């Protein structure tokens, strides 16, 4: 990422790279934006609807509908010395609630 250096007595304003010798002298006026608008992108699901139907099933209670069966999968989302996180998907077709257990 290029950094901006204010004009000094020896040189005009410029962009420079802090890790390599690259320097770009600025000849014209520059407008610097400090705030960038972030756009949320759609996230592709890890499992398709078909994959969710084929997940292993366990006897656990859904917190949304109190149904007694849920599909589950485990993912290591924290450091390796922490236990895996278990994600559940309610098996009731009208619910399909997602929750996790750390």
N, C-alpha and C. Protein backbone atom coordinates (compact mmCIF):
# COMPACT_ATOMS: atom_id res chain seq x y z
N UNK A 1 0.84 -1.16 0.00
CA UNK A 1 0.00 0.00 0.00
C UNK A 1 0.89 1.23 0.00
N UNK A 2 0.58 2.15 -0.89
CA UNK A 2 1.37 3.38 -0.97
C UNK A 2 0.95 4.36 0.12
N UNK A 3 1.94 5.05 0.66
CA UNK A 3 1.70 6.09 1.65
C UNK A 3 1.91 7.45 1.02
N UNK A 4 1.30 8.46 1.61
CA UNK A 4 1.38 9.83 1.09
C UNK A 4 2.35 10.62 1.94
N UNK A 5 3.24 11.36 1.28
CA UNK A 5 4.19 12.22 1.98
C UNK A 5 3.92 13.66 1.57
N UNK A 6 3.76 14.53 2.55
CA UNK A 6 3.49 15.94 2.29
C UNK A 6 4.67 16.60 1.58
N UNK A 7 4.41 17.69 0.84
CA UNK A 7 5.52 18.38 0.19
C UNK A 7 6.49 18.93 1.22
N UNK A 8 7.75 18.85 0.88
CA UNK A 8 8.82 19.31 1.75
C UNK A 8 9.67 20.31 0.98
N UNK A 9 10.62 20.92 1.61
CA UNK A 9 11.46 21.92 0.92
C UNK A 9 12.26 21.30 -0.21
N UNK A 10 12.62 20.06 -0.10
CA UNK A 10 13.44 19.43 -1.12
C UNK A 10 12.66 18.74 -2.23
N UNK A 11 11.39 18.47 -2.04
CA UNK A 11 10.63 17.73 -3.05
C UNK A 11 9.15 18.09 -2.97
N UNK A 12 8.42 17.73 -4.02
CA UNK A 12 6.97 17.94 -4.03
C UNK A 12 6.29 16.78 -3.31
N UNK A 13 4.98 16.86 -3.21
CA UNK A 13 4.23 15.77 -2.58
C UNK A 13 4.44 14.49 -3.39
N UNK A 14 4.38 13.35 -2.70
CA UNK A 14 4.64 12.09 -3.40
C UNK A 14 4.00 10.92 -2.66
N UNK A 15 3.81 9.85 -3.43
CA UNK A 15 3.42 8.57 -2.87
C UNK A 15 4.68 7.72 -2.80
N UNK A 16 4.80 6.91 -1.74
CA UNK A 16 5.96 6.04 -1.63
C UNK A 16 5.57 4.73 -0.98
N UNK A 17 6.35 3.71 -1.28
CA UNK A 17 6.14 2.39 -0.70
C UNK A 17 7.07 2.24 0.49
N UNK A 18 6.56 1.86 1.67
CA UNK A 18 7.43 1.73 2.84
C UNK A 18 8.32 0.48 2.81
N UNK A 19 8.04 -0.47 1.91
CA UNK A 19 8.82 -1.71 1.90
C UNK A 19 9.78 -1.83 0.72
N UNK A 20 9.65 -0.95 -0.26
CA UNK A 20 10.57 -1.00 -1.40
C UNK A 20 10.92 0.44 -1.80
N UNK A 21 11.84 0.64 -2.72
CA UNK A 21 12.25 2.00 -3.06
C UNK A 21 11.31 2.75 -4.00
N UNK A 22 10.11 2.25 -4.28
CA UNK A 22 9.21 2.90 -5.22
C UNK A 22 8.75 4.26 -4.70
N UNK A 23 8.83 5.28 -5.56
CA UNK A 23 8.37 6.63 -5.25
C UNK A 23 7.66 7.17 -6.48
N UNK A 24 6.50 7.82 -6.28
CA UNK A 24 5.75 8.42 -7.37
C UNK A 24 5.53 9.89 -7.04
N UNK A 25 6.21 10.77 -7.78
CA UNK A 25 6.06 12.21 -7.56
C UNK A 25 4.67 12.65 -8.03
N UNK A 26 4.04 13.53 -7.28
CA UNK A 26 2.70 14.01 -7.62
C UNK A 26 2.85 15.36 -8.30
N UNK A 27 2.43 15.41 -9.55
CA UNK A 27 2.55 16.64 -10.34
C UNK A 27 1.30 17.50 -10.23
N UNK A 28 0.13 16.86 -10.11
CA UNK A 28 -1.13 17.59 -10.09
C UNK A 28 -1.77 17.49 -8.72
N UNK A 29 -2.89 18.14 -8.58
CA UNK A 29 -3.61 18.14 -7.32
C UNK A 29 -4.16 16.73 -7.03
N UNK A 30 -4.13 16.34 -5.77
CA UNK A 30 -4.58 15.01 -5.36
C UNK A 30 -5.68 15.15 -4.31
N UNK A 31 -6.71 14.35 -4.46
CA UNK A 31 -7.77 14.31 -3.46
C UNK A 31 -7.65 12.98 -2.73
N UNK A 32 -7.50 13.05 -1.42
CA UNK A 32 -7.32 11.85 -0.62
C UNK A 32 -8.62 11.57 0.12
N UNK A 33 -9.15 10.37 -0.06
CA UNK A 33 -10.35 9.95 0.64
C UNK A 33 -9.93 9.18 1.89
N UNK A 34 -10.47 9.56 2.99
CA UNK A 34 -10.13 8.89 4.25
C UNK A 34 -11.13 7.80 4.61
N UNK A 35 -12.35 7.92 4.14
CA UNK A 35 -13.37 6.93 4.45
C UNK A 35 -13.78 6.22 3.17
N UNK A 36 -13.72 4.91 3.23
CA UNK A 36 -14.13 4.11 2.08
C UNK A 36 -15.44 3.42 2.43
N UNK A 37 -16.32 3.37 1.49
CA UNK A 37 -17.60 2.69 1.69
C UNK A 37 -17.41 1.20 1.39
N UNK A 38 -17.68 0.39 2.39
CA UNK A 38 -17.54 -1.05 2.23
C UNK A 38 -18.86 -1.64 1.76
N UNK A 39 -18.76 -2.56 0.85
CA UNK A 39 -19.95 -3.21 0.30
C UNK A 39 -19.94 -4.66 0.75
N UNK A 40 -21.04 -5.09 1.37
CA UNK A 40 -21.14 -6.48 1.78
C UNK A 40 -21.45 -7.34 0.56
N UNK A 41 -20.71 -8.42 0.43
CA UNK A 41 -20.93 -9.34 -0.67
C UNK A 41 -21.69 -10.55 -0.14
N UNK A 42 -22.42 -11.17 -1.01
CA UNK A 42 -23.15 -12.38 -0.63
C UNK A 42 -22.16 -13.49 -0.35
N UNK A 43 -22.43 -14.25 0.68
CA UNK A 43 -21.55 -15.34 1.07
C UNK A 43 -22.15 -16.65 0.58
N UNK A 44 -21.37 -17.42 -0.12
CA UNK A 44 -21.83 -18.72 -0.57
C UNK A 44 -21.91 -19.67 0.62
N UNK A 45 -22.97 -20.47 0.72
CA UNK A 45 -23.08 -21.39 1.84
C UNK A 45 -22.03 -22.50 1.74
N UNK A 46 -21.61 -22.99 2.90
CA UNK A 46 -20.64 -24.08 2.94
C UNK A 46 -21.26 -25.36 2.41
N UNK A 47 -22.51 -25.58 2.79
CA UNK A 47 -23.22 -26.78 2.36
C UNK A 47 -24.45 -26.38 1.56
N UNK A 48 -24.70 -27.09 0.46
CA UNK A 48 -25.91 -26.86 -0.32
C UNK A 48 -27.10 -27.47 0.43
N UNK A 49 -28.30 -27.22 -0.05
CA UNK A 49 -29.50 -27.80 0.58
C UNK A 49 -29.42 -29.32 0.58
N UNK A 50 -28.91 -29.89 -0.50
CA UNK A 50 -28.77 -31.35 -0.58
C UNK A 50 -27.75 -31.84 0.44
N UNK A 51 -26.63 -31.12 0.58
CA UNK A 51 -25.62 -31.50 1.57
C UNK A 51 -26.19 -31.44 2.99
N UNK A 52 -27.02 -30.42 3.26
CA UNK A 52 -27.60 -30.27 4.59
C UNK A 52 -28.53 -31.43 4.93
N UNK A 53 -29.19 -32.00 3.93
CA UNK A 53 -30.07 -33.14 4.17
C UNK A 53 -29.26 -34.38 4.54
N UNK A 54 -28.01 -34.46 4.06
CA UNK A 54 -27.19 -35.65 4.26
C UNK A 54 -26.20 -35.52 5.42
N UNK A 55 -26.31 -34.47 6.23
CA UNK A 55 -25.43 -34.32 7.39
C UNK A 55 -25.73 -35.41 8.42
N UNK A 56 -24.73 -35.80 9.22
CA UNK A 56 -25.02 -36.74 10.30
C UNK A 56 -26.04 -36.12 11.27
N UNK A 57 -26.86 -36.95 11.88
CA UNK A 57 -27.94 -36.49 12.75
C UNK A 57 -27.62 -36.84 14.20
N UNK A 58 -28.02 -35.95 15.10
CA UNK A 58 -27.84 -36.18 16.53
C UNK A 58 -29.11 -35.82 17.27
N UNK A 59 -29.25 -36.36 18.48
CA UNK A 59 -30.40 -36.04 19.33
C UNK A 59 -30.05 -34.81 20.16
N UNK A 60 -30.49 -33.67 19.73
CA UNK A 60 -30.32 -32.41 20.47
C UNK A 60 -31.56 -31.57 20.24
N UNK A 61 -31.81 -30.64 21.11
CA UNK A 61 -33.04 -29.84 21.04
C UNK A 61 -32.78 -28.51 20.36
N UNK A 62 -33.59 -28.21 19.37
CA UNK A 62 -33.50 -26.93 18.66
C UNK A 62 -33.97 -25.82 19.59
N UNK A 63 -33.19 -24.74 19.76
CA UNK A 63 -33.61 -23.66 20.65
C UNK A 63 -34.79 -22.86 20.10
N UNK A 64 -35.08 -22.95 18.81
CA UNK A 64 -36.17 -22.18 18.22
C UNK A 64 -37.51 -22.91 18.29
N UNK A 65 -37.50 -24.22 18.02
CA UNK A 65 -38.78 -24.94 17.93
C UNK A 65 -38.87 -26.15 18.86
N UNK A 66 -37.80 -26.44 19.61
CA UNK A 66 -37.74 -27.57 20.55
C UNK A 66 -37.85 -28.94 19.87
N UNK A 67 -37.56 -29.02 18.58
CA UNK A 67 -37.53 -30.30 17.88
C UNK A 67 -36.30 -31.08 18.37
N UNK A 68 -36.38 -32.39 18.42
CA UNK A 68 -35.34 -33.20 19.05
C UNK A 68 -34.25 -33.74 18.14
N UNK A 69 -34.22 -33.38 16.87
CA UNK A 69 -33.19 -33.88 15.95
C UNK A 69 -32.55 -32.72 15.20
N UNK A 70 -31.25 -32.84 14.96
CA UNK A 70 -30.54 -31.81 14.21
C UNK A 70 -29.37 -32.43 13.46
N UNK A 71 -29.09 -31.90 12.28
CA UNK A 71 -27.87 -32.27 11.57
C UNK A 71 -26.73 -31.44 12.14
N UNK A 72 -25.51 -31.95 12.04
CA UNK A 72 -24.40 -31.19 12.60
C UNK A 72 -23.14 -31.37 11.75
N UNK A 73 -22.23 -30.41 11.90
CA UNK A 73 -20.88 -30.49 11.34
C UNK A 73 -19.96 -29.71 12.24
N UNK A 74 -18.67 -30.05 12.20
CA UNK A 74 -17.70 -29.40 13.07
C UNK A 74 -16.64 -28.70 12.23
N UNK A 75 -16.24 -27.51 12.70
CA UNK A 75 -15.24 -26.70 12.01
C UNK A 75 -14.27 -26.14 13.04
N UNK A 76 -12.99 -26.12 12.69
CA UNK A 76 -11.97 -25.50 13.54
C UNK A 76 -11.90 -24.03 13.18
N UNK A 77 -12.54 -23.16 13.98
CA UNK A 77 -12.57 -21.74 13.63
C UNK A 77 -11.67 -20.90 14.54
N UNK A 78 -11.15 -21.50 15.58
CA UNK A 78 -10.24 -20.79 16.48
C UNK A 78 -8.87 -21.44 16.39
N UNK A 79 -8.00 -21.13 17.31
CA UNK A 79 -6.64 -21.68 17.26
C UNK A 79 -6.68 -23.19 17.46
N UNK A 80 -5.60 -23.84 17.08
CA UNK A 80 -5.56 -25.31 17.07
C UNK A 80 -5.67 -25.91 18.47
N UNK A 81 -5.29 -25.16 19.51
CA UNK A 81 -5.37 -25.71 20.86
C UNK A 81 -6.77 -25.56 21.47
N UNK A 82 -7.70 -24.94 20.76
CA UNK A 82 -9.08 -24.81 21.20
C UNK A 82 -9.91 -25.94 20.58
N UNK A 83 -11.01 -26.34 21.24
CA UNK A 83 -11.84 -27.40 20.66
C UNK A 83 -12.57 -26.91 19.41
N UNK A 84 -13.01 -27.87 18.60
CA UNK A 84 -13.75 -27.53 17.38
C UNK A 84 -15.12 -26.99 17.75
N UNK A 85 -15.67 -26.15 16.86
CA UNK A 85 -17.01 -25.60 17.05
C UNK A 85 -18.00 -26.47 16.29
N UNK A 86 -19.09 -26.85 16.96
CA UNK A 86 -20.12 -27.68 16.34
C UNK A 86 -21.27 -26.79 15.90
N UNK A 87 -21.64 -26.91 14.63
CA UNK A 87 -22.76 -26.17 14.07
C UNK A 87 -23.91 -27.14 13.87
N UNK A 88 -25.12 -26.70 14.21
CA UNK A 88 -26.31 -27.54 14.11
C UNK A 88 -27.31 -26.91 13.14
N UNK A 89 -28.07 -27.77 12.46
CA UNK A 89 -29.17 -27.34 11.60
C UNK A 89 -30.38 -28.20 11.97
N UNK A 90 -31.46 -27.54 12.39
CA UNK A 90 -32.67 -28.25 12.80
C UNK A 90 -33.20 -29.09 11.63
N UNK A 91 -33.61 -30.32 11.93
CA UNK A 91 -34.12 -31.23 10.90
C UNK A 91 -35.59 -31.01 10.57
N UNK A 92 -36.31 -30.23 11.37
CA UNK A 92 -37.71 -29.95 11.06
C UNK A 92 -37.76 -29.05 9.83
N UNK A 93 -38.49 -29.49 8.81
CA UNK A 93 -38.54 -28.77 7.53
C UNK A 93 -39.07 -27.35 7.67
N UNK A 94 -39.99 -27.12 8.59
CA UNK A 94 -40.55 -25.78 8.73
C UNK A 94 -39.66 -24.85 9.55
N UNK A 95 -38.64 -25.38 10.20
CA UNK A 95 -37.77 -24.56 11.06
C UNK A 95 -36.42 -24.28 10.39
N UNK A 96 -35.61 -25.30 10.21
CA UNK A 96 -34.28 -25.21 9.58
C UNK A 96 -33.38 -24.18 10.28
N UNK A 97 -33.57 -24.00 11.59
CA UNK A 97 -32.78 -23.05 12.37
C UNK A 97 -31.31 -23.49 12.41
N UNK A 98 -30.39 -22.52 12.39
CA UNK A 98 -28.95 -22.78 12.50
C UNK A 98 -28.47 -22.23 13.85
N UNK A 99 -27.67 -23.01 14.57
CA UNK A 99 -27.04 -22.51 15.79
C UNK A 99 -25.73 -23.23 15.99
N UNK A 100 -24.95 -22.75 16.94
CA UNK A 100 -23.63 -23.34 17.15
C UNK A 100 -23.37 -23.56 18.63
N UNK A 101 -22.42 -24.44 18.88
CA UNK A 101 -22.01 -24.75 20.24
C UNK A 101 -20.49 -24.74 20.27
N UNK A 102 -19.93 -23.85 21.08
CA UNK A 102 -18.46 -23.73 21.14
C UNK A 102 -17.87 -24.77 22.05
